[in-house]
């Protein structure tokens, strides 16, 4: 007798898993942002060493009474954990570069815990930046150039990483919410510009920086 046909197994009828698409744009952004942030942290660290060696040193980032690094670096806000804040930047931005490079180096997804851990770090970085922006504008009354470079890359890094994790489901949310966050992910540049504008407006209200920046 001819062999009877057997029913298809579950393995042959189940749909194939979705192909992993490497987030190339995010990887490139993380590497570039990480390099810029690392450079700013390095410059702040060098300037801090100069101040430790000579408290009256004239730093290259001191342009005027309004724009400079010395006041920030010498304040308690500049060493929140008992050591200079730029050291946090050296470690944090190195990790950001490593994540970006890792996205190119692997053909599979990072584990969810890995993305969540990275996102927690990004949230903490943004919280620190918001605190330092507030202190710079309302207490220190000075704009630190290298600090502003750090602000410039931290803000879009937060939005890019957080919205990516929300749309990909690494941060668990309902499917409808994932679609919404996926749409927002495409608007990260505009969201970032809005954030920059808010900071600039607050600085203008508090410091009148447009008039005083080069006085």
N, C-alpha and C. Protein backbone atom coordinates (compact mmCIF):
# COMPACT_ATOMS: atom_id res chain seq x y z
N UNK A 1 0.84 -1.20 0.00
CA UNK A 1 0.00 0.00 0.00
C UNK A 1 0.87 1.25 0.00
N UNK A 2 0.44 2.29 -0.74
CA UNK A 2 1.22 3.53 -0.71
C UNK A 2 1.10 4.16 0.65
N UNK A 3 2.18 4.76 1.04
CA UNK A 3 2.18 5.39 2.37
C UNK A 3 1.17 6.53 2.38
N UNK A 4 0.40 6.57 3.44
CA UNK A 4 -0.62 7.62 3.57
C UNK A 4 0.05 8.94 3.91
N UNK A 5 -0.58 9.99 3.43
CA UNK A 5 -0.06 11.31 3.71
C UNK A 5 -0.34 11.69 5.15
N UNK A 6 0.63 12.18 5.79
CA UNK A 6 0.45 12.58 7.19
C UNK A 6 0.09 14.05 7.26
N UNK A 7 -0.61 14.41 8.32
CA UNK A 7 -1.02 15.80 8.50
C UNK A 7 0.20 16.67 8.72
N UNK A 8 0.17 17.86 8.23
CA UNK A 8 1.32 18.76 8.43
C UNK A 8 1.57 18.97 9.91
N UNK A 9 2.80 18.99 10.28
CA UNK A 9 3.15 19.21 11.68
C UNK A 9 3.05 20.68 12.01
N UNK A 10 3.04 20.98 13.31
CA UNK A 10 2.95 22.37 13.75
C UNK A 10 4.13 23.18 13.26
N UNK A 11 5.29 22.46 13.14
CA UNK A 11 6.50 23.16 12.73
C UNK A 11 6.38 23.70 11.32
N UNK A 12 5.55 22.94 10.45
CA UNK A 12 5.45 23.37 9.07
C UNK A 12 4.33 24.38 8.86
N UNK A 13 3.39 24.48 9.81
CA UNK A 13 2.25 25.38 9.64
C UNK A 13 2.41 26.69 10.40
N UNK A 14 3.28 26.73 11.43
CA UNK A 14 3.46 27.95 12.20
C UNK A 14 4.12 29.01 11.33
N UNK A 15 3.69 30.25 11.44
CA UNK A 15 4.34 31.30 10.66
C UNK A 15 5.78 31.50 11.09
N UNK A 16 6.60 31.86 10.17
CA UNK A 16 8.02 32.09 10.49
C UNK A 16 8.14 33.33 11.35
N UNK A 17 9.09 33.32 12.30
CA UNK A 17 9.27 34.51 13.13
C UNK A 17 9.72 35.70 12.29
N UNK A 18 9.33 36.87 12.73
CA UNK A 18 9.69 38.08 11.99
C UNK A 18 11.21 38.21 11.92
N UNK A 19 11.68 38.60 10.76
CA UNK A 19 13.12 38.77 10.57
C UNK A 19 13.59 39.99 11.35
N UNK A 20 14.68 39.81 12.05
CA UNK A 20 15.23 40.92 12.83
C UNK A 20 15.85 41.94 11.89
N UNK A 21 15.45 43.19 12.06
CA UNK A 21 16.00 44.28 11.28
C UNK A 21 16.87 45.13 12.19
N UNK A 22 18.15 45.13 11.90
CA UNK A 22 19.09 45.90 12.71
C UNK A 22 18.73 47.39 12.65
N UNK A 23 18.63 48.06 13.81
CA UNK A 23 18.33 49.50 13.82
C UNK A 23 19.58 50.31 13.46
N UNK A 24 19.92 50.31 12.17
CA UNK A 24 21.15 50.93 11.71
C UNK A 24 21.21 52.42 12.05
N UNK A 25 20.10 53.12 11.82
CA UNK A 25 20.09 54.57 12.08
C UNK A 25 20.35 54.84 13.56
N UNK A 26 19.72 54.05 14.43
CA UNK A 26 19.93 54.23 15.86
C UNK A 26 21.38 53.92 16.23
N UNK A 27 21.95 52.86 15.63
CA UNK A 27 23.33 52.49 15.92
C UNK A 27 24.29 53.62 15.54
N UNK A 28 24.10 54.18 14.34
CA UNK A 28 24.96 55.29 13.90
C UNK A 28 24.80 56.48 14.83
N UNK A 29 23.56 56.79 15.18
CA UNK A 29 23.32 57.92 16.06
C UNK A 29 24.01 57.73 17.41
N UNK A 30 23.89 56.54 17.99
CA UNK A 30 24.49 56.29 19.31
C UNK A 30 26.01 56.44 19.26
N UNK A 31 26.62 55.98 18.18
CA UNK A 31 28.07 56.11 18.05
C UNK A 31 28.47 57.58 17.92
N UNK A 32 27.77 58.32 17.07
CA UNK A 32 28.10 59.74 16.86
C UNK A 32 27.84 60.53 18.13
N UNK A 33 26.66 60.35 18.73
CA UNK A 33 26.33 61.06 19.97
C UNK A 33 27.30 60.70 21.08
N UNK A 34 27.66 59.42 21.14
CA UNK A 34 28.60 58.98 22.17
C UNK A 34 29.96 59.63 22.02
N UNK A 35 30.43 59.74 20.77
CA UNK A 35 31.73 60.37 20.53
C UNK A 35 31.70 61.85 20.90
N UNK A 36 30.61 62.54 20.55
CA UNK A 36 30.49 63.96 20.89
C UNK A 36 30.42 64.14 22.41
N UNK A 37 29.59 63.32 23.06
CA UNK A 37 29.47 63.40 24.51
C UNK A 37 30.77 63.05 25.23
N UNK A 38 31.48 62.05 24.70
CA UNK A 38 32.76 61.66 25.29
C UNK A 38 33.78 62.77 25.15
N UNK A 39 33.79 63.43 24.03
CA UNK A 39 34.70 64.56 23.81
C UNK A 39 34.42 65.68 24.80
N UNK A 40 33.13 66.02 24.98
CA UNK A 40 32.76 67.08 25.92
C UNK A 40 33.15 66.69 27.35
N UNK A 41 32.92 65.43 27.72
CA UNK A 41 33.28 64.98 29.07
C UNK A 41 34.79 65.02 29.27
N UNK A 42 35.53 64.66 28.23
CA UNK A 42 36.99 64.70 28.32
C UNK A 42 37.48 66.14 28.51
N UNK A 43 36.92 67.07 27.74
CA UNK A 43 37.33 68.47 27.86
C UNK A 43 37.01 69.02 29.24
N UNK A 44 35.85 68.67 29.78
CA UNK A 44 35.49 69.11 31.12
C UNK A 44 36.43 68.50 32.17
N UNK A 45 36.82 67.25 31.97
CA UNK A 45 37.74 66.59 32.90
C UNK A 45 39.10 67.27 32.88
N UNK A 46 39.60 67.58 31.69
CA UNK A 46 40.88 68.28 31.57
C UNK A 46 40.81 69.65 32.25
N UNK A 47 39.71 70.37 32.02
CA UNK A 47 39.55 71.68 32.64
C UNK A 47 39.48 71.57 34.16
N UNK A 48 38.85 70.52 34.66
CA UNK A 48 38.80 70.32 36.11
C UNK A 48 40.19 70.08 36.68
N UNK A 49 41.01 69.32 35.96
CA UNK A 49 42.40 69.10 36.40
C UNK A 49 43.15 70.43 36.44
N UNK A 50 42.91 71.28 35.46
CA UNK A 50 43.57 72.59 35.44
C UNK A 50 43.18 73.42 36.66
N UNK A 51 41.89 73.36 37.02
CA UNK A 51 41.43 74.12 38.18
C UNK A 51 41.97 73.55 39.48
N UNK A 52 42.13 72.24 39.54
CA UNK A 52 42.70 71.63 40.74
C UNK A 52 44.16 72.03 40.90
N UNK A 53 44.86 72.15 39.78
CA UNK A 53 46.26 72.56 39.83
C UNK A 53 46.41 74.04 40.09
N UNK A 54 45.47 74.82 39.56
CA UNK A 54 45.51 76.27 39.73
C UNK A 54 44.08 76.81 39.75
N UNK A 55 43.54 77.09 40.93
CA UNK A 55 42.15 77.56 41.05
C UNK A 55 41.86 78.83 40.26
N UNK A 56 42.90 79.59 39.94
CA UNK A 56 42.70 80.83 39.20
C UNK A 56 42.99 80.68 37.70
N UNK A 57 43.11 79.45 37.25
CA UNK A 57 43.42 79.20 35.84
C UNK A 57 42.34 79.76 34.93
N UNK A 58 42.76 80.34 33.81
CA UNK A 58 41.83 80.84 32.80
C UNK A 58 41.60 79.73 31.77
N UNK A 59 40.41 79.16 31.79
CA UNK A 59 40.11 78.03 30.93
C UNK A 59 39.70 78.49 29.54
N UNK A 60 39.95 77.64 28.56
CA UNK A 60 39.62 77.99 27.17
C UNK A 60 38.12 78.11 26.96
N UNK A 61 37.33 77.54 27.86
CA UNK A 61 35.87 77.58 27.71
C UNK A 61 35.25 78.80 28.39
N UNK A 62 36.09 79.63 29.02
CA UNK A 62 35.58 80.85 29.66
C UNK A 62 35.60 82.00 28.64
N UNK A 63 34.40 82.35 28.16
CA UNK A 63 34.30 83.40 27.15
C UNK A 63 33.84 84.73 27.73
N UNK A 64 33.00 84.67 28.75
CA UNK A 64 32.47 85.90 29.35
C UNK A 64 31.91 85.56 30.71
N UNK A 65 31.33 86.55 31.36
CA UNK A 65 30.69 86.31 32.66
C UNK A 65 29.55 85.32 32.53
N UNK A 66 28.87 85.33 31.39
CA UNK A 66 27.72 84.47 31.17
C UNK A 66 28.10 83.09 30.65
N UNK A 67 29.14 83.02 29.84
CA UNK A 67 29.52 81.77 29.18
C UNK A 67 30.89 81.32 29.67
N UNK A 68 30.93 80.20 30.39
CA UNK A 68 32.18 79.69 30.93
C UNK A 68 31.97 78.41 31.72
N UNK A 69 33.07 77.72 32.02
CA UNK A 69 33.01 76.43 32.71
C UNK A 69 33.43 76.49 34.17
N UNK A 70 34.28 77.46 34.52
CA UNK A 70 34.90 77.46 35.85
C UNK A 70 33.88 77.43 36.98
N UNK A 71 32.86 78.27 36.88
CA UNK A 71 31.88 78.36 37.96
C UNK A 71 31.15 77.04 38.17
N UNK A 72 30.80 76.39 37.08
CA UNK A 72 30.13 75.10 37.18
C UNK A 72 31.03 74.05 37.79
N UNK A 73 32.27 73.97 37.31
CA UNK A 73 33.20 72.95 37.79
C UNK A 73 33.56 73.13 39.26
N UNK A 74 33.59 74.38 39.72
CA UNK A 74 33.96 74.65 41.12
C UNK A 74 32.77 74.55 42.08
N UNK A 75 31.57 74.43 41.55
CA UNK A 75 30.37 74.40 42.41
C UNK A 75 30.13 72.98 42.93
N UNK A 76 29.30 72.89 43.97
CA UNK A 76 28.94 71.55 44.49
C UNK A 76 28.11 70.80 43.46
N UNK A 77 27.38 71.54 42.62
CA UNK A 77 26.59 70.87 41.58
C UNK A 77 27.49 70.16 40.57
N UNK A 78 28.74 70.59 40.47
CA UNK A 78 29.66 69.97 39.53
C UNK A 78 30.27 68.68 40.02
N UNK A 79 29.99 68.33 41.28
CA UNK A 79 30.53 67.08 41.86
C UNK A 79 29.46 66.45 42.74
N UNK A 80 28.36 66.07 42.15
CA UNK A 80 27.20 65.61 42.91
C UNK A 80 27.47 64.35 43.73
N UNK A 81 28.28 63.46 43.22
CA UNK A 81 28.54 62.19 43.90
C UNK A 81 29.88 62.18 44.63
N UNK A 82 30.44 63.36 44.83
CA UNK A 82 31.72 63.45 45.52
C UNK A 82 32.91 63.45 44.60
N UNK A 83 32.68 63.32 43.31
CA UNK A 83 33.75 63.42 42.31
C UNK A 83 33.18 64.20 41.12
N UNK A 84 34.03 64.76 40.27
CA UNK A 84 33.55 65.61 39.17
C UNK A 84 32.55 64.88 38.26
N UNK A 85 31.47 65.56 37.94
CA UNK A 85 30.45 64.98 37.06
C UNK A 85 30.99 64.47 35.72
N UNK A 86 32.02 65.12 35.13
CA UNK A 86 32.51 64.64 33.84
C UNK A 86 32.98 63.18 33.86
N UNK A 87 33.36 62.70 35.02
CA UNK A 87 33.78 61.28 35.11
C UNK A 87 32.60 60.38 34.79
N UNK A 88 31.40 60.79 35.22
CA UNK A 88 30.20 60.05 34.86
C UNK A 88 30.03 60.04 33.34
N UNK A 89 30.31 61.19 32.74
CA UNK A 89 30.20 61.28 31.28
C UNK A 89 31.18 60.39 30.56
N UNK A 90 32.40 60.30 31.07
CA UNK A 90 33.40 59.44 30.43
C UNK A 90 32.92 57.99 30.39
N UNK A 91 32.33 57.53 31.49
CA UNK A 91 31.83 56.16 31.53
C UNK A 91 30.54 55.99 30.74
N UNK A 92 29.61 56.94 30.92
CA UNK A 92 28.31 56.82 30.27
C UNK A 92 28.37 56.89 28.76
N UNK A 93 29.17 57.81 28.22
CA UNK A 93 29.25 57.93 26.77
C UNK A 93 30.06 56.80 26.15
N UNK A 94 31.01 56.26 26.90
CA UNK A 94 31.73 55.07 26.40
C UNK A 94 30.75 53.90 26.26
N UNK A 95 29.86 53.76 27.25
CA UNK A 95 28.84 52.71 27.18
C UNK A 95 27.90 52.93 25.99
N UNK A 96 27.57 54.18 25.73
CA UNK A 96 26.68 54.49 24.59
C UNK A 96 27.34 54.09 23.28
N UNK A 97 28.62 54.41 23.13
CA UNK A 97 29.34 54.00 21.92
C UNK A 97 29.36 52.48 21.81
N UNK A 98 29.58 51.80 22.93
CA UNK A 98 29.64 50.33 22.92
C UNK A 98 28.32 49.73 22.47
N UNK A 99 27.20 50.31 22.90
CA UNK A 99 25.89 49.81 22.47
C UNK A 99 25.72 50.01 20.97
N UNK A 100 26.10 51.20 20.48
CA UNK A 100 25.99 51.46 19.05
C UNK A 100 26.83 50.50 18.23
N UNK A 101 28.06 50.28 18.65
CA UNK A 101 28.93 49.33 17.93
C UNK A 101 28.38 47.92 18.04
N UNK A 102 27.84 47.57 19.21
CA UNK A 102 27.27 46.24 19.42
C UNK A 102 26.11 45.95 18.47
N UNK A 103 25.33 46.97 18.14
CA UNK A 103 24.22 46.77 17.21
C UNK A 103 24.71 46.37 15.83
N UNK A 104 25.91 46.84 15.46
CA UNK A 104 26.50 46.44 14.17
C UNK A 104 27.18 45.07 14.28
N UNK A 105 27.62 44.72 15.47
CA UNK A 105 28.45 43.52 15.64
C UNK A 105 27.65 42.24 15.78
N UNK A 106 26.35 42.35 16.05
CA UNK A 106 25.56 41.14 16.25
C UNK A 106 24.42 41.08 15.24
N UNK A 107 24.06 39.86 14.84
CA UNK A 107 22.97 39.68 13.88
C UNK A 107 21.65 39.39 14.60
N UNK A 108 21.67 39.31 15.91
CA UNK A 108 20.46 38.99 16.68
C UNK A 108 20.10 40.16 17.59
N UNK A 109 18.90 40.11 18.12
CA UNK A 109 18.43 41.16 19.01
C UNK A 109 19.18 41.12 20.33
N UNK A 110 19.35 42.29 20.92
CA UNK A 110 19.81 42.34 22.31
C UNK A 110 18.69 41.84 23.20
N UNK A 111 19.04 41.25 24.33
CA UNK A 111 18.03 40.80 25.29
C UNK A 111 17.27 42.00 25.84
N UNK A 112 16.01 41.75 26.23
CA UNK A 112 15.17 42.84 26.75
C UNK A 112 15.81 43.50 27.97
N UNK A 113 16.40 42.70 28.86
CA UNK A 113 16.99 43.26 30.08
C UNK A 113 18.13 44.21 29.73
N UNK A 114 18.83 43.92 28.63
CA UNK A 114 19.94 44.76 28.21
C UNK A 114 19.43 46.14 27.79
N UNK A 115 18.37 46.14 26.97
CA UNK A 115 17.79 47.40 26.52
C UNK A 115 17.21 48.19 27.70
N UNK A 116 16.55 47.48 28.62
CA UNK A 116 15.96 48.17 29.76
C UNK A 116 17.05 48.78 30.64
N UNK A 117 18.13 48.04 30.87
CA UNK A 117 19.25 48.55 31.67
C UNK A 117 19.84 49.79 31.01
N UNK A 118 20.01 49.74 29.69
CA UNK A 118 20.55 50.89 28.97
C UNK A 118 19.58 52.07 29.05
N UNK A 119 18.28 51.77 28.94
CA UNK A 119 17.29 52.85 29.01
C UNK A 119 17.26 53.49 30.40
N UNK A 120 17.44 52.70 31.44
CA UNK A 120 17.50 53.26 32.79
C UNK A 120 18.68 54.23 32.89
N UNK A 121 19.81 53.84 32.33
CA UNK A 121 20.97 54.72 32.34
C UNK A 121 20.71 56.01 31.59
N UNK A 122 20.00 55.92 30.46
CA UNK A 122 19.69 57.11 29.67
C UNK A 122 18.73 58.02 30.44
N UNK A 123 17.75 57.43 31.13
CA UNK A 123 16.81 58.22 31.93
C UNK A 123 17.54 58.95 33.05
N UNK A 124 18.45 58.26 33.71
CA UNK A 124 19.22 58.89 34.79
C UNK A 124 20.08 60.02 34.23
N UNK A 125 20.65 59.82 33.04
CA UNK A 125 21.46 60.87 32.41
C UNK A 125 20.60 62.10 32.12
N UNK A 126 19.39 61.88 31.61
CA UNK A 126 18.51 63.01 31.32
C UNK A 126 18.10 63.72 32.62
N UNK A 127 17.81 62.95 33.66
CA UNK A 127 17.44 63.55 34.95
C UNK A 127 18.58 64.44 35.47
N UNK A 128 19.81 63.96 35.33
CA UNK A 128 20.97 64.75 35.76
C UNK A 128 21.10 66.02 34.92
N UNK A 129 20.89 65.89 33.62
CA UNK A 129 20.98 67.05 32.73
C UNK A 129 19.91 68.08 33.07
N UNK A 130 18.69 67.64 33.32
CA UNK A 130 17.61 68.57 33.68
C UNK A 130 17.96 69.30 34.97
N UNK A 131 18.51 68.56 35.94
CA UNK A 131 18.92 69.19 37.20
C UNK A 131 20.01 70.23 36.95
N UNK A 132 21.00 69.88 36.14
CA UNK A 132 22.11 70.80 35.90
C UNK A 132 21.67 72.01 35.06
N UNK A 133 20.76 71.80 34.12
CA UNK A 133 20.22 72.93 33.37
C UNK A 133 19.51 73.89 34.32
N UNK A 134 18.69 73.34 35.21
CA UNK A 134 17.96 74.17 36.17
C UNK A 134 18.90 74.94 37.07
N UNK A 135 19.93 74.26 37.57
CA UNK A 135 20.90 74.92 38.45
C UNK A 135 21.70 75.99 37.71
N UNK A 136 22.06 75.69 36.47
CA UNK A 136 22.83 76.67 35.67
C UNK A 136 22.03 77.93 35.43
N UNK A 137 20.72 77.78 35.16
CA UNK A 137 19.90 78.92 34.82
C UNK A 137 19.40 79.70 36.03
N UNK A 138 19.18 79.00 37.15
CA UNK A 138 18.53 79.66 38.29
C UNK A 138 19.45 79.93 39.47
N UNK A 139 20.56 79.21 39.57
CA UNK A 139 21.45 79.36 40.73
C UNK A 139 22.82 79.89 40.30
N UNK A 140 23.46 79.21 39.37
CA UNK A 140 24.81 79.59 38.95
C UNK A 140 24.79 80.76 37.96
N UNK A 141 23.71 80.89 37.24
CA UNK A 141 23.56 81.99 36.27
C UNK A 141 24.72 82.04 35.27
N UNK A 142 25.05 80.89 34.74
CA UNK A 142 26.13 80.80 33.77
C UNK A 142 25.84 79.65 32.82
N UNK A 143 26.30 79.77 31.58
CA UNK A 143 26.15 78.72 30.58
C UNK A 143 27.52 78.12 30.28
N UNK A 144 27.69 76.86 30.63
CA UNK A 144 28.95 76.16 30.43
C UNK A 144 28.97 75.54 29.02
N UNK A 145 29.90 75.93 28.15
CA UNK A 145 29.91 75.43 26.76
C UNK A 145 29.94 73.91 26.65
N UNK A 146 30.90 73.25 27.36
CA UNK A 146 31.00 71.80 27.26
C UNK A 146 29.78 71.13 27.88
N UNK A 147 29.22 71.74 28.92
CA UNK A 147 27.99 71.21 29.52
C UNK A 147 26.85 71.25 28.50
N UNK A 148 26.78 72.36 27.76
CA UNK A 148 25.72 72.49 26.76
C UNK A 148 25.88 71.48 25.63
N UNK A 149 27.12 71.14 25.29
CA UNK A 149 27.34 70.08 24.31
C UNK A 149 26.77 68.77 24.84
N UNK A 150 27.00 68.51 26.11
CA UNK A 150 26.45 67.29 26.74
C UNK A 150 24.93 67.31 26.72
N UNK A 151 24.34 68.46 27.05
CA UNK A 151 22.88 68.56 27.00
C UNK A 151 22.39 68.26 25.59
N UNK A 152 23.11 68.79 24.60
CA UNK A 152 22.69 68.68 23.21
C UNK A 152 22.59 67.24 22.74
N UNK A 153 23.47 66.37 23.22
CA UNK A 153 23.42 64.97 22.78
C UNK A 153 22.62 64.08 23.74
N UNK A 154 22.51 64.47 25.00
CA UNK A 154 21.75 63.66 25.95
C UNK A 154 20.26 63.67 25.63
N UNK A 155 19.73 64.83 25.28
CA UNK A 155 18.29 64.95 25.02
C UNK A 155 17.83 64.04 23.87
N UNK A 156 18.44 64.10 22.68
CA UNK A 156 17.99 63.19 21.63
C UNK A 156 18.30 61.73 21.92
N UNK A 157 19.38 61.47 22.67
CA UNK A 157 19.67 60.07 23.03
C UNK A 157 18.55 59.49 23.87
N UNK A 158 18.05 60.28 24.82
CA UNK A 158 16.93 59.82 25.64
C UNK A 158 15.72 59.49 24.77
N UNK A 159 15.34 60.41 23.90
CA UNK A 159 14.15 60.19 23.08
C UNK A 159 14.34 59.02 22.12
N UNK A 160 15.49 58.94 21.48
CA UNK A 160 15.72 57.87 20.50
C UNK A 160 15.68 56.49 21.15
N UNK A 161 16.38 56.33 22.26
CA UNK A 161 16.44 55.02 22.93
C UNK A 161 15.10 54.66 23.55
N UNK A 162 14.47 55.60 24.22
CA UNK A 162 13.21 55.30 24.90
C UNK A 162 12.10 54.98 23.91
N UNK A 163 11.96 55.78 22.87
CA UNK A 163 10.91 55.53 21.88
C UNK A 163 11.18 54.25 21.09
N UNK A 164 12.45 53.95 20.84
CA UNK A 164 12.78 52.68 20.17
C UNK A 164 12.35 51.50 21.03
N UNK A 165 12.67 51.55 22.30
CA UNK A 165 12.31 50.45 23.19
C UNK A 165 10.80 50.31 23.35
N UNK A 166 10.09 51.42 23.34
CA UNK A 166 8.63 51.37 23.44
C UNK A 166 8.02 50.78 22.17
N UNK A 167 8.50 51.19 21.02
CA UNK A 167 7.91 50.69 19.78
C UNK A 167 8.27 49.23 19.51
N UNK A 168 9.44 48.82 20.01
CA UNK A 168 9.88 47.44 19.80
C UNK A 168 9.33 46.48 20.86
N UNK A 169 8.72 47.02 21.90
CA UNK A 169 8.17 46.17 22.95
C UNK A 169 9.20 45.75 23.99
N UNK A 170 10.40 46.31 23.93
CA UNK A 170 11.38 46.02 24.98
C UNK A 170 10.89 46.57 26.32
N UNK A 171 10.19 47.69 26.27
CA UNK A 171 9.43 48.18 27.41
C UNK A 171 7.99 47.77 27.14
N UNK A 172 7.43 46.84 27.92
CA UNK A 172 6.11 46.29 27.61
C UNK A 172 5.00 47.34 27.63
N UNK A 173 4.32 47.50 26.50
CA UNK A 173 3.16 48.38 26.38
C UNK A 173 2.17 47.71 25.44
N UNK A 174 0.88 48.09 25.47
CA UNK A 174 -0.10 47.52 24.54
C UNK A 174 0.29 47.77 23.08
N UNK A 175 -0.25 46.91 22.20
CA UNK A 175 0.10 47.00 20.78
C UNK A 175 -0.24 48.36 20.18
N UNK A 176 -1.38 48.92 20.57
CA UNK A 176 -1.77 50.23 20.04
C UNK A 176 -0.76 51.29 20.46
N UNK A 177 -0.28 51.18 21.70
CA UNK A 177 0.71 52.14 22.19
C UNK A 177 2.02 51.98 21.41
N UNK A 178 2.38 50.74 21.08
CA UNK A 178 3.60 50.52 20.32
C UNK A 178 3.53 51.21 18.96
N UNK A 179 2.36 51.15 18.33
CA UNK A 179 2.17 51.82 17.05
C UNK A 179 2.33 53.34 17.20
N UNK A 180 1.75 53.87 18.28
CA UNK A 180 1.85 55.31 18.54
C UNK A 180 3.29 55.72 18.76
N UNK A 181 4.02 54.96 19.59
CA UNK A 181 5.41 55.29 19.86
C UNK A 181 6.28 55.09 18.63
N UNK A 182 5.89 54.14 17.77
CA UNK A 182 6.60 53.95 16.52
C UNK A 182 6.51 55.18 15.63
N UNK A 183 5.34 55.82 15.63
CA UNK A 183 5.16 57.06 14.88
C UNK A 183 6.01 58.17 15.48
N UNK A 184 5.99 58.29 16.81
CA UNK A 184 6.79 59.32 17.48
C UNK A 184 8.27 59.12 17.22
N UNK A 185 8.71 57.86 17.11
CA UNK A 185 10.12 57.57 16.88
C UNK A 185 10.62 58.25 15.61
N UNK A 186 9.76 58.34 14.62
CA UNK A 186 10.14 59.00 13.38
C UNK A 186 10.23 60.52 13.52
N UNK A 187 9.72 61.04 14.63
CA UNK A 187 9.73 62.48 14.87
C UNK A 187 10.76 62.90 15.91
N UNK A 188 11.71 62.02 16.21
CA UNK A 188 12.73 62.34 17.22
C UNK A 188 13.46 63.65 16.90
N UNK A 189 13.87 63.91 15.64
CA UNK A 189 14.54 65.18 15.37
C UNK A 189 13.69 66.39 15.73
N UNK A 190 12.40 66.37 15.39
CA UNK A 190 11.53 67.50 15.70
C UNK A 190 11.33 67.63 17.21
N UNK A 191 11.11 66.51 17.89
CA UNK A 191 10.95 66.54 19.34
C UNK A 191 12.19 67.13 20.00
N UNK A 192 13.35 66.75 19.49
CA UNK A 192 14.61 67.27 20.02
C UNK A 192 14.71 68.78 19.84
N UNK A 193 14.34 69.27 18.65
CA UNK A 193 14.39 70.71 18.39
C UNK A 193 13.45 71.46 19.33
N UNK A 194 12.28 70.89 19.58
CA UNK A 194 11.34 71.52 20.52
C UNK A 194 11.96 71.61 21.91
N UNK A 195 12.64 70.54 22.33
CA UNK A 195 13.30 70.55 23.64
C UNK A 195 14.40 71.61 23.69
N UNK A 196 15.18 71.71 22.62
CA UNK A 196 16.22 72.75 22.56
C UNK A 196 15.58 74.14 22.68
N UNK A 197 14.47 74.33 21.98
CA UNK A 197 13.81 75.63 22.00
C UNK A 197 13.31 75.98 23.40
N UNK A 198 12.80 74.98 24.11
CA UNK A 198 12.33 75.21 25.48
C UNK A 198 13.48 75.66 26.37
N UNK A 199 14.62 74.97 26.27
CA UNK A 199 15.79 75.34 27.07
C UNK A 199 16.26 76.75 26.71
N UNK A 200 16.30 77.05 25.40
CA UNK A 200 16.75 78.37 24.95
C UNK A 200 15.82 79.47 25.45
N UNK A 201 14.52 79.22 25.43
CA UNK A 201 13.55 80.21 25.90
C UNK A 201 13.70 80.43 27.41
N UNK A 202 13.85 79.33 28.16
CA UNK A 202 14.05 79.47 29.61
C UNK A 202 15.33 80.23 29.92
N UNK A 203 16.39 79.95 29.14
CA UNK A 203 17.67 80.65 29.35
C UNK A 203 17.52 82.13 29.03
N UNK A 204 16.76 82.44 27.99
CA UNK A 204 16.56 83.84 27.63
C UNK A 204 15.77 84.58 28.72
N UNK A 205 14.73 83.93 29.24
CA UNK A 205 13.91 84.54 30.29
C UNK A 205 14.73 84.77 31.55
N UNK A 206 15.56 83.79 31.90
CA UNK A 206 16.30 83.86 33.15
C UNK A 206 17.59 84.68 33.04
N UNK A 207 18.29 84.55 31.91
CA UNK A 207 19.62 85.13 31.80
C UNK A 207 19.76 86.22 30.73
N UNK A 208 18.76 86.38 29.89
CA UNK A 208 18.86 87.33 28.78
C UNK A 208 20.12 87.05 27.97
N UNK A 209 20.32 85.77 27.61
CA UNK A 209 21.58 85.33 27.02
C UNK A 209 21.81 85.91 25.62
N UNK A 210 20.76 86.20 24.89
CA UNK A 210 20.96 86.74 23.54
C UNK A 210 21.70 88.07 23.61
N UNK A 211 21.36 88.88 24.59
CA UNK A 211 22.00 90.19 24.73
C UNK A 211 23.35 90.10 25.43
N UNK A 212 23.47 89.16 26.38
CA UNK A 212 24.64 89.13 27.26
C UNK A 212 25.72 88.13 26.87
N UNK A 213 25.45 87.26 25.92
CA UNK A 213 26.36 86.15 25.65
C UNK A 213 27.79 86.58 25.41
N UNK A 214 28.00 87.68 24.71
CA UNK A 214 29.36 88.08 24.37
C UNK A 214 29.72 89.44 24.94
N UNK A 215 29.03 89.82 26.01
CA UNK A 215 29.34 91.08 26.68
C UNK A 215 30.51 90.90 27.61
